[in-house]
Amino acid sequence: MTSGSVARLLPWVSPEGKPCYLVSDDGTGYLSRFADEVEATQLDMADELIDHAADMLADLTATPEQLRYLVARMVESLRDVSRVAESRGDRLPGAGS
């Protein structure tokens, strides 16, 4: 990495489940913009999932299978949102010092 380069945690993992990073100088390239779009989509999906979970919890006829499926999707979404938060926190001024 050059002195102005920053390693950004990307909002997806490798096929092996390992974190992916992008090293860039200014964070304005195509892949950086694409990662920003993916993050925004992940956060929007989390908001929708929260609304869906509230609806299902209010529905007393929801089956255990439906609730297990909901929890599985919530775990996936929480992992995504956690990765977005970590990535954004790493990019805050002074975070690397």
PDB file of N, CA and C in Angstrom:
ATOM      1  N   MET A   1       0.838  -1.183   0.000  1.00  0.00           N
ATOM      2  CA  MET A   1       0.000   0.000   0.000  1.00  0.00           C
ATOM      3  C   MET A   1       0.879   1.241   0.000  1.00  0.00           C
ATOM      4  N   THR A   2       0.440   2.256  -0.716  1.00  0.00           N
ATOM      5  CA  THR A   2       1.144   3.528  -0.692  1.00  0.00           C
ATOM      6  C   THR A   2       0.721   4.297   0.546  1.00  0.00           C
ATOM      7  N   SER A   3       1.428   5.386   0.834  1.00  0.00           N
ATOM      8  CA  SER A   3       1.164   6.121   2.078  1.00  0.00           C
ATOM      9  C   SER A   3      -0.254   6.673   2.148  1.00  0.00           C
ATOM     10  N   GLY A   4      -0.882   7.007   1.017  1.00  0.00           N
ATOM     11  CA  GLY A   4      -2.241   7.530   1.029  1.00  0.00           C
ATOM     12  C   GLY A   4      -3.306   6.477   0.844  1.00  0.00           C
ATOM     13  N   SER A   5      -2.902   5.226   0.711  1.00  0.00           N
ATOM     14  CA  SER A   5      -3.857   4.153   0.460  1.00  0.00           C
ATOM     15  C   SER A   5      -4.594   3.756   1.732  1.00  0.00           C
ATOM     16  N   VAL A   6      -5.830   3.354   1.524  1.00  0.00           N
ATOM     17  CA  VAL A   6      -6.666   2.899   2.629  1.00  0.00           C
ATOM     18  C   VAL A   6      -7.245   1.540   2.261  1.00  0.00           C
ATOM     19  N   ALA A   7      -7.248   0.594   3.205  1.00  0.00           N
ATOM     20  CA  ALA A   7      -7.873  -0.708   2.996  1.00  0.00           C
ATOM     21  C   ALA A   7      -9.298  -0.623   3.518  1.00  0.00           C
ATOM     22  N   ARG A   8     -10.256  -0.798   2.637  1.00  0.00           N
ATOM     23  CA  ARG A   8     -11.668  -0.720   2.990  1.00  0.00           C
ATOM     24  C   ARG A   8     -12.253  -2.129   3.067  1.00  0.00           C
ATOM     25  N   LEU A   9     -12.904  -2.436   4.183  1.00  0.00           N
ATOM     26  CA  LEU A   9     -13.627  -3.689   4.306  1.00  0.00           C
ATOM     27  C   LEU A   9     -14.858  -3.601   3.409  1.00  0.00           C
ATOM     28  N   LEU A  10     -14.973  -4.552   2.484  1.00  0.00           N
ATOM     29  CA  LEU A  10     -16.093  -4.540   1.545  1.00  0.00           C
ATOM     30  C   LEU A  10     -17.316  -5.228   2.152  1.00  0.00           C
ATOM     31  N   PRO A  11     -18.510  -4.896   1.663  1.00  0.00           N
ATOM     32  CA  PRO A  11     -19.734  -5.433   2.255  1.00  0.00           C
ATOM     33  C   PRO A  11     -20.096  -6.834   1.778  1.00  0.00           C
ATOM     34  N   TRP A  12     -19.125  -7.620   1.401  1.00  0.00           N
ATOM     35  CA  TRP A  12     -19.349  -9.012   1.023  1.00  0.00           C
ATOM     36  C   TRP A  12     -18.121  -9.814   1.424  1.00  0.00           C
ATOM     37  N   VAL A  13     -18.271 -11.130   1.395  1.00  0.00           N
ATOM     38  CA  VAL A  13     -17.163 -12.016   1.758  1.00  0.00           C
ATOM     39  C   VAL A  13     -16.773 -12.842   0.544  1.00  0.00           C
ATOM     40  N   SER A  14     -15.613 -13.477   0.640  1.00  0.00           N
ATOM     41  CA  SER A  14     -15.139 -14.355  -0.430  1.00  0.00           C
ATOM     42  C   SER A  14     -15.980 -15.628  -0.439  1.00  0.00           C
ATOM     43  N   PRO A  15     -15.848 -16.445  -1.485  1.00  0.00           N
ATOM     44  CA  PRO A  15     -16.572 -17.727  -1.503  1.00  0.00           C
ATOM     45  C   PRO A  15     -16.236 -18.607  -0.291  1.00  0.00           C
ATOM     46  N   GLU A  16     -15.062 -18.396   0.316  1.00  0.00           N
ATOM     47  CA  GLU A  16     -14.655 -19.160   1.494  1.00  0.00           C
ATOM     48  C   GLU A  16     -15.160 -18.528   2.782  1.00  0.00           C
ATOM     49  N   GLY A  17     -15.873 -17.393   2.664  1.00  0.00           N
ATOM     50  CA  GLY A  17     -16.399 -16.713   3.844  1.00  0.00           C
ATOM     51  C   GLY A  17     -15.434 -15.753   4.506  1.00  0.00           C
ATOM     52  N   LYS A  18     -14.332 -15.443   3.834  1.00  0.00           N
ATOM     53  CA  LYS A  18     -13.327 -14.541   4.401  1.00  0.00           C
ATOM     54  C   LYS A  18     -13.634 -13.093   4.007  1.00  0.00           C
ATOM     55  N   PRO A  19     -13.223 -12.132   4.836  1.00  0.00           N
ATOM     56  CA  PRO A  19     -13.458 -10.724   4.506  1.00  0.00           C
ATOM     57  C   PRO A  19     -12.732 -10.331   3.220  1.00  0.00           C
ATOM     58  N   CYS A  20     -13.331  -9.407   2.495  1.00  0.00           N
ATOM     59  CA  CYS A  20     -12.719  -8.854   1.281  1.00  0.00           C
ATOM     60  C   CYS A  20     -12.396  -7.383   1.532  1.00  0.00           C
ATOM     61  N   TYR A  21     -11.257  -6.962   1.024  1.00  0.00           N
ATOM     62  CA  TYR A  21     -10.811  -5.584   1.204  1.00  0.00           C
ATOM     63  C   TYR A  21     -10.494  -4.968  -0.153  1.00  0.00           C
ATOM     64  N   LEU A  22     -10.664  -3.653  -0.210  1.00  0.00           N
ATOM     65  CA  LEU A  22     -10.288  -2.873  -1.386  1.00  0.00           C
ATOM     66  C   LEU A  22      -9.251  -1.862  -0.933  1.00  0.00           C
ATOM     67  N   VAL A  23      -8.133  -1.850  -1.613  1.00  0.00           N
ATOM     68  CA  VAL A  23      -7.099  -0.866  -1.319  1.00  0.00           C
ATOM     69  C   VAL A  23      -7.170   0.199  -2.400  1.00  0.00           C
ATOM     70  N   SER A  24      -7.390   1.444  -1.966  1.00  0.00           N
ATOM     71  CA  SER A  24      -7.456   2.550  -2.927  1.00  0.00           C
ATOM     72  C   SER A  24      -6.927   3.818  -2.278  1.00  0.00           C
ATOM     73  N   ASP A  25      -6.665   4.797  -3.107  1.00  0.00           N
ATOM     74  CA  ASP A  25      -6.141   6.061  -2.599  1.00  0.00           C
ATOM     75  C   ASP A  25      -7.244   7.045  -2.220  1.00  0.00           C
ATOM     76  N   ASP A  26      -8.333   7.065  -2.995  1.00  0.00           N
ATOM     77  CA  ASP A  26      -9.326   8.110  -2.727  1.00  0.00           C
ATOM     78  C   ASP A  26     -10.748   7.599  -2.485  1.00  0.00           C
ATOM     79  N   GLY A  27     -11.018   6.331  -2.729  1.00  0.00           N
ATOM     80  CA  GLY A  27     -12.337   5.779  -2.462  1.00  0.00           C
ATOM     81  C   GLY A  27     -13.434   6.243  -3.395  1.00  0.00           C
ATOM     82  N   THR A  28     -13.059   6.731  -4.593  1.00  0.00           N
ATOM     83  CA  THR A  28     -14.083   7.227  -5.521  1.00  0.00           C
ATOM     84  C   THR A  28     -14.184   6.386  -6.791  1.00  0.00           C
ATOM     85  N   GLY A  29     -13.445   5.305  -6.856  1.00  0.00           N
ATOM     86  CA  GLY A  29     -13.451   4.465  -8.048  1.00  0.00           C
ATOM     87  C   GLY A  29     -14.725   3.656  -8.185  1.00  0.00           C
ATOM     88  N   TYR A  30     -14.806   2.904  -9.285  1.00  0.00           N
ATOM     89  CA  TYR A  30     -15.997   2.112  -9.587  1.00  0.00           C
ATOM     90  C   TYR A  30     -16.311   1.128  -8.470  1.00  0.00           C
ATOM     91  N   LEU A  31     -15.315   0.384  -8.004  1.00  0.00           N
ATOM     92  CA  LEU A  31     -15.574  -0.626  -6.984  1.00  0.00           C
ATOM     93  C   LEU A  31     -15.998   0.008  -5.660  1.00  0.00           C
ATOM     94  N   SER A  32     -15.434   1.151  -5.326  1.00  0.00           N
ATOM     95  CA  SER A  32     -15.849   1.862  -4.112  1.00  0.00           C
ATOM     96  C   SER A  32     -17.307   2.300  -4.217  1.00  0.00           C
ATOM     97  N   ARG A  33     -17.667   2.833  -5.373  1.00  0.00           N
ATOM     98  CA  ARG A  33     -19.067   3.271  -5.568  1.00  0.00           C
ATOM     99  C   ARG A  33     -20.009   2.075  -5.542  1.00  0.00           C
ATOM    100  N   PHE A  34     -19.599   0.953  -6.145  1.00  0.00           N
ATOM    101  CA  PHE A  34     -20.417  -0.256  -6.127  1.00  0.00           C
ATOM    102  C   PHE A  34     -20.596  -0.753  -4.688  1.00  0.00           C
ATOM    103  N   ALA A  35     -19.517  -0.740  -3.904  1.00  0.00           N
ATOM    104  CA  ALA A  35     -19.596  -1.157  -2.497  1.00  0.00           C
ATOM    105  C   ALA A  35     -20.551  -0.244  -1.722  1.00  0.00           C
ATOM    106  N   ASP A  36     -20.520   1.054  -2.016  1.00  0.00           N
ATOM    107  CA  ASP A  36     -21.459   1.992  -1.375  1.00  0.00           C
ATOM    108  C   ASP A  36     -22.905   1.614  -1.698  1.00  0.00           C
ATOM    109  N   GLU A  37     -23.157   1.247  -2.948  1.00  0.00           N
ATOM    110  CA  GLU A  37     -24.511   0.840  -3.359  1.00  0.00           C
ATOM    111  C   GLU A  37     -24.933  -0.449  -2.670  1.00  0.00           C
ATOM    112  N   VAL A  38     -24.018  -1.407  -2.565  1.00  0.00           N
ATOM    113  CA  VAL A  38     -24.324  -2.673  -1.894  1.00  0.00           C
ATOM    114  C   VAL A  38     -24.640  -2.409  -0.418  1.00  0.00           C
ATOM    115  N   GLU A  39     -23.832  -1.559   0.225  1.00  0.00           N
ATOM    116  CA  GLU A  39     -24.093  -1.216   1.626  1.00  0.00           C
ATOM    117  C   GLU A  39     -25.475  -0.598   1.786  1.00  0.00           C
ATOM    118  N   ALA A  40     -25.816   0.338   0.911  1.00  0.00           N
ATOM    119  CA  ALA A  40     -27.127   0.993   0.992  1.00  0.00           C
ATOM    120  C   ALA A  40     -28.250  -0.027   0.827  1.00  0.00           C
ATOM    121  N   THR A  41     -28.075  -0.954  -0.095  1.00  0.00           N
ATOM    122  CA  THR A  41     -29.081  -2.003  -0.307  1.00  0.00           C
ATOM    123  C   THR A  41     -29.193  -2.888   0.926  1.00  0.00           C
ATOM    124  N   GLN A  42     -28.072  -3.255   1.518  1.00  0.00           N
ATOM    125  CA  GLN A  42     -28.095  -4.098   2.718  1.00  0.00           C
ATOM    126  C   GLN A  42     -28.815  -3.392   3.862  1.00  0.00           C
ATOM    127  N   LEU A  43     -28.574  -2.098   4.032  1.00  0.00           N
ATOM    128  CA  LEU A  43     -29.238  -1.354   5.099  1.00  0.00           C
ATOM    129  C   LEU A  43     -30.732  -1.215   4.836  1.00  0.00           C
ATOM    130  N   ASP A  44     -31.110  -0.985   3.574  1.00  0.00           N
ATOM    131  CA  ASP A  44     -32.533  -0.920   3.218  1.00  0.00           C
ATOM    132  C   ASP A  44     -33.220  -2.259   3.483  1.00  0.00           C
ATOM    133  N   MET A  45     -32.548  -3.340   3.130  1.00  0.00           N
ATOM    134  CA  MET A  45     -33.119  -4.665   3.351  1.00  0.00           C
ATOM    135  C   MET A  45     -33.287  -4.939   4.850  1.00  0.00           C
ATOM    136  N   ALA A  46     -32.351  -4.481   5.661  1.00  0.00           N
ATOM    137  CA  ALA A  46     -32.458  -4.657   7.110  1.00  0.00           C
ATOM    138  C   ALA A  46     -33.681  -3.906   7.642  1.00  0.00           C
ATOM    139  N   ASP A  47     -33.903  -2.690   7.153  1.00  0.00           N
ATOM    140  CA  ASP A  47     -35.085  -1.923   7.567  1.00  0.00           C
ATOM    141  C   ASP A  47     -36.368  -2.658   7.204  1.00  0.00           C
ATOM    142  N   GLU A  48     -36.420  -3.204   5.999  1.00  0.00           N
ATOM    143  CA  GLU A  48     -37.600  -3.956   5.571  1.00  0.00           C
ATOM    144  C   GLU A  48     -37.792  -5.207   6.414  1.00  0.00           C
ATOM    145  N   LEU A  49     -36.703  -5.862   6.763  1.00  0.00           N
ATOM    146  CA  LEU A  49     -36.773  -7.072   7.575  1.00  0.00           C
ATOM    147  C   LEU A  49     -37.284  -6.747   8.978  1.00  0.00           C
ATOM    148  N   ILE A  50     -36.871  -5.620   9.519  1.00  0.00           N
ATOM    149  CA  ILE A  50     -37.371  -5.192  10.834  1.00  0.00           C
ATOM    150  C   ILE A  50     -38.884  -5.026  10.789  1.00  0.00           C
ATOM    151  N   ASP A  51     -39.385  -4.375   9.747  1.00  0.00           N
ATOM    152  CA  ASP A  51     -40.833  -4.196   9.611  1.00  0.00           C
ATOM    153  C   ASP A  51     -41.538  -5.540   9.477  1.00  0.00           C
ATOM    154  N   HIS A  52     -40.966  -6.433   8.686  1.00  0.00           N
ATOM    155  CA  HIS A  52     -41.558  -7.760   8.490  1.00  0.00           C
ATOM    156  C   HIS A  52     -41.566  -8.542   9.806  1.00  0.00           C
ATOM    157  N   ALA A  53     -40.478  -8.440  10.566  1.00  0.00           N
ATOM    158  CA  ALA A  53     -40.395  -9.143  11.853  1.00  0.00           C
ATOM    159  C   ALA A  53     -41.460  -8.621  12.810  1.00  0.00           C
ATOM    160  N   ALA A  54     -41.656  -7.317  12.841  1.00  0.00           N
ATOM    161  CA  ALA A  54     -42.685  -6.751  13.717  1.00  0.00           C
ATOM    162  C   ALA A  54     -44.066  -7.272  13.336  1.00  0.00           C
ATOM    163  N   ASP A  55     -44.329  -7.346  12.043  1.00  0.00           N
ATOM    164  CA  ASP A  55     -45.615  -7.881  11.579  1.00  0.00           C
ATOM    165  C   ASP A  55     -45.786  -9.344  11.983  1.00  0.00           C
ATOM    166  N   MET A  56     -44.732 -10.141  11.792  1.00  0.00           N
ATOM    167  CA  MET A  56     -44.828 -11.567  12.126  1.00  0.00           C
ATOM    168  C   MET A  56     -44.989 -11.791  13.618  1.00  0.00           C
ATOM    169  N   LEU A  57     -44.322 -10.989  14.424  1.00  0.00           N
ATOM    170  CA  LEU A  57     -44.449 -11.152  15.874  1.00  0.00           C
ATOM    171  C   LEU A  57     -45.851 -10.788  16.357  1.00  0.00           C
ATOM    172  N   ALA A  58     -46.505  -9.888  15.650  1.00  0.00           N
ATOM    173  CA  ALA A  58     -47.875  -9.511  15.998  1.00  0.00           C
ATOM    174  C   ALA A  58     -48.895 -10.537  15.508  1.00  0.00           C
ATOM    175  N   ASP A  59     -48.485 -11.394  14.583  1.00  0.00           N
ATOM    176  CA  ASP A  59     -49.370 -12.408  14.008  1.00  0.00           C
ATOM    177  C   ASP A  59     -49.288 -13.683  14.850  1.00  0.00           C
ATOM    178  N   LEU A  60     -50.304 -13.922  15.631  1.00  0.00           N
ATOM    179  CA  LEU A  60     -50.295 -15.077  16.523  1.00  0.00           C
ATOM    180  C   LEU A  60     -50.441 -16.399  15.786  1.00  0.00           C
ATOM    181  N   THR A  61     -50.696 -16.346  14.475  1.00  0.00           N
ATOM    182  CA  THR A  61     -50.810 -17.586  13.701  1.00  0.00           C
ATOM    183  C   THR A  61     -49.502 -17.959  13.000  1.00  0.00           C
ATOM    184  N   ALA A  62     -48.440 -17.161  13.194  1.00  0.00           N
ATOM    185  CA  ALA A  62     -47.142 -17.474  12.577  1.00  0.00           C
ATOM    186  C   ALA A  62     -46.646 -18.809  13.108  1.00  0.00           C
ATOM    187  N   THR A  63     -46.188 -19.647  12.199  1.00  0.00           N
ATOM    188  CA  THR A  63     -45.740 -20.985  12.584  1.00  0.00           C
ATOM    189  C   THR A  63     -44.285 -20.958  13.050  1.00  0.00           C
ATOM    190  N   PRO A  64     -43.870 -21.975  13.801  1.00  0.00           N
ATOM    191  CA  PRO A  64     -42.455 -22.059  14.196  1.00  0.00           C
ATOM    192  C   PRO A  64     -41.521 -22.058  12.985  1.00  0.00           C
ATOM    193  N   GLU A  65     -41.925 -22.711  11.905  1.00  0.00           N
ATOM    194  CA  GLU A  65     -41.086 -22.732  10.698  1.00  0.00           C
ATOM    195  C   GLU A  65     -40.923 -21.324  10.117  1.00  0.00           C
ATOM    196  N   GLN A  66     -42.020 -20.570  10.085  1.00  0.00           N
ATOM    197  CA  GLN A  66     -41.953 -19.199   9.578  1.00  0.00           C
ATOM    198  C   GLN A  66     -41.045 -18.343  10.464  1.00  0.00           C
ATOM    199  N   LEU A  67     -41.158 -18.514  11.751  1.00  0.00           N
ATOM    200  CA  LEU A  67     -40.333 -17.729  12.667  1.00  0.00           C
ATOM    201  C   LEU A  67     -38.862 -18.121  12.578  1.00  0.00           C
ATOM    202  N   ARG A  68     -38.581 -19.418  12.415  1.00  0.00           N
ATOM    203  CA  ARG A  68     -37.179 -19.854  12.235  1.00  0.00           C
ATOM    204  C   ARG A  68     -36.599 -19.261  10.950  1.00  0.00           C
ATOM    205  N   TYR A  69     -37.383 -19.252   9.886  1.00  0.00           N
ATOM    206  CA  TYR A  69     -36.932 -18.672   8.625  1.00  0.00           C
ATOM    207  C   TYR A  69     -36.639 -17.175   8.820  1.00  0.00           C
ATOM    208  N   LEU A  70     -37.539 -16.492   9.508  1.00  0.00           N
ATOM    209  CA  LEU A  70     -37.348 -15.072   9.787  1.00  0.00           C
ATOM    210  C   LEU A  70     -36.055 -14.845  10.573  1.00  0.00           C
ATOM    211  N   VAL A  71     -35.830 -15.647  11.604  1.00  0.00           N
ATOM    212  CA  VAL A  71     -34.622 -15.485  12.418  1.00  0.00           C
ATOM    213  C   VAL A  71     -33.373 -15.734  11.575  1.00  0.00           C
ATOM    214  N   ALA A  72     -33.414 -16.719  10.693  1.00  0.00           N
ATOM    215  CA  ALA A  72     -32.257 -16.987   9.825  1.00  0.00           C
ATOM    216  C   ALA A  72     -31.955 -15.779   8.945  1.00  0.00           C
ATOM    217  N   ARG A  73     -32.989 -15.153   8.379  1.00  0.00           N
ATOM    218  CA  ARG A  73     -32.779 -13.970   7.537  1.00  0.00           C
ATOM    219  C   ARG A  73     -32.274 -12.801   8.383  1.00  0.00           C
ATOM    220  N   MET A  74     -32.756 -12.711   9.617  1.00  0.00           N
ATOM    221  CA  MET A  74     -32.302 -11.630  10.495  1.00  0.00           C
ATOM    222  C   MET A  74     -30.826 -11.794  10.851  1.00  0.00           C
ATOM    223  N   VAL A  75     -30.380 -13.032  11.063  1.00  0.00           N
ATOM    224  CA  VAL A  75     -28.961 -13.285  11.344  1.00  0.00           C
ATOM    225  C   VAL A  75     -28.108 -12.858  10.149  1.00  0.00           C
ATOM    226  N   GLU A  76     -28.543 -13.222   8.943  1.00  0.00           N
ATOM    227  CA  GLU A  76     -27.812 -12.812   7.737  1.00  0.00           C
ATOM    228  C   GLU A  76     -27.736 -11.293   7.647  1.00  0.00           C
ATOM    229  N   SER A  77     -28.865 -10.643   7.884  1.00  0.00           N
ATOM    230  CA  SER A  77     -28.922  -9.190   7.793  1.00  0.00           C
ATOM    231  C   SER A  77     -28.067  -8.534   8.874  1.00  0.00           C
ATOM    232  N   LEU A  78     -28.093  -9.091  10.075  1.00  0.00           N
ATOM    233  CA  LEU A  78     -27.281  -8.532  11.154  1.00  0.00           C
ATOM    234  C   LEU A  78     -25.796  -8.643  10.833  1.00  0.00           C
ATOM    235  N   ARG A  79     -25.380  -9.746  10.218  1.00  0.00           N
ATOM    236  CA  ARG A  79     -23.981  -9.875   9.787  1.00  0.00           C
ATOM    237  C   ARG A  79     -23.631  -8.784   8.775  1.00  0.00           C
ATOM    238  N   ASP A  80     -24.534  -8.564   7.803  1.00  0.00           N
ATOM    239  CA  ASP A  80     -24.291  -7.528   6.790  1.00  0.00           C
ATOM    240  C   ASP A  80     -24.182  -6.151   7.434  1.00  0.00           C
ATOM    241  N   VAL A  81     -25.118  -5.822   8.301  1.00  0.00           N
ATOM    242  CA  VAL A  81     -25.140  -4.504   8.933  1.00  0.00           C
ATOM    243  C   VAL A  81     -23.920  -4.322   9.833  1.00  0.00           C
ATOM    244  N   SER A  82     -23.519  -5.379  10.520  1.00  0.00           N
ATOM    245  CA  SER A  82     -22.319  -5.316  11.358  1.00  0.00           C
ATOM    246  C   SER A  82     -21.081  -5.033  10.508  1.00  0.00           C
ATOM    247  N   ARG A  83     -20.990  -5.691   9.343  1.00  0.00           N
ATOM    248  CA  ARG A  83     -19.849  -5.470   8.449  1.00  0.00           C
ATOM    249  C   ARG A  83     -19.858  -4.038   7.912  1.00  0.00           C
ATOM    250  N   VAL A  84     -21.047  -3.501   7.595  1.00  0.00           N
ATOM    251  CA  VAL A  84     -21.143  -2.119   7.131  1.00  0.00           C
ATOM    252  C   VAL A  84     -20.674  -1.178   8.237  1.00  0.00           C
ATOM    253  N   ALA A  85     -21.126  -1.416   9.470  1.00  0.00           N
ATOM    254  CA  ALA A  85     -20.730  -0.551  10.583  1.00  0.00           C
ATOM    255  C   ALA A  85     -19.223  -0.606  10.816  1.00  0.00           C
ATOM    256  N   GLU A  86     -18.656  -1.817  10.760  1.00  0.00           N
ATOM    257  CA  GLU A  86     -17.208  -1.951  10.943  1.00  0.00           C
ATOM    258  C   GLU A  86     -16.458  -1.214   9.839  1.00  0.00           C
ATOM    259  N   SER A  87     -16.896  -1.388   8.609  1.00  0.00           N
ATOM    260  CA  SER A  87     -16.237  -0.738   7.483  1.00  0.00           C
ATOM    261  C   SER A  87     -16.303   0.781   7.597  1.00  0.00           C
ATOM    262  N   ARG A  88     -17.480   1.283   7.936  1.00  0.00           N
ATOM    263  CA  ARG A  88     -17.641   2.737   8.056  1.00  0.00           C
ATOM    264  C   ARG A  88     -16.867   3.275   9.248  1.00  0.00           C
ATOM    265  N   GLY A  89     -16.836   2.520  10.334  1.00  0.00           N
ATOM    266  CA  GLY A  89     -16.062   2.945  11.503  1.00  0.00           C
ATOM    267  C   GLY A  89     -14.575   3.010  11.205  1.00  0.00           C
ATOM    268  N   ASP A  90     -14.096   2.025  10.421  1.00  0.00           N
ATOM    269  CA  ASP A  90     -12.689   2.018  10.043  1.00  0.00           C
ATOM    270  C   ASP A  90     -12.320   3.219   9.197  1.00  0.00           C
ATOM    271  N   ARG A  91     -13.299   3.777   8.480  1.00  0.00           N
ATOM    272  CA  ARG A  91     -13.017   4.898   7.586  1.00  0.00           C
ATOM    273  C   ARG A  91     -13.223   6.265   8.247  1.00  0.00           C
ATOM    274  N   LEU A  92     -13.594   6.296   9.531  1.00  0.00           N
ATOM    275  CA  LEU A  92     -13.734   7.568  10.220  1.00  0.00           C
ATOM    276  C   LEU A  92     -12.364   8.193  10.418  1.00  0.00           C
ATOM    277  N   PRO A  93     -12.281   9.515  10.362  1.00  0.00           N
ATOM    278  CA  PRO A  93     -10.996  10.170  10.586  1.00  0.00           C
ATOM    279  C   PRO A  93     -10.434   9.777  11.947  1.00  0.00           C
ATOM    280  N   GLY A  94      -9.166   9.390  11.955  1.00  0.00           N
ATOM    281  CA  GLY A  94      -8.492   9.020  13.187  1.00  0.00           C
ATOM    282  C   GLY A  94      -8.708   7.583  13.606  1.00  0.00           C
ATOM    283  N   ALA A  95      -9.532   6.817  12.872  1.00  0.00           N
ATOM    284  CA  ALA A  95      -9.823   5.441  13.267  1.00  0.00           C
ATOM    285  C   ALA A  95      -8.584   4.554  13.185  1.00  0.00           C
ATOM    286  N   GLY A  96      -7.695   4.857  12.282  1.00  0.00           N
ATOM    287  CA  GLY A  96      -6.514   4.024  12.117  1.00  0.00           C
ATOM    288  C   GLY A  96      -5.346   4.436  12.979  1.00  0.00           C
ATOM    289  N   SER A  97      -5.526   5.519  13.754  1.00  0.00           N
ATOM    290  CA  SER A  97      -4.379   5.980  14.551  1.00  0.00           C
ATOM    291  C   SER A  97      -4.453   5.539  15.972  1.00  0.00           C
TER     292      SER A  97
END
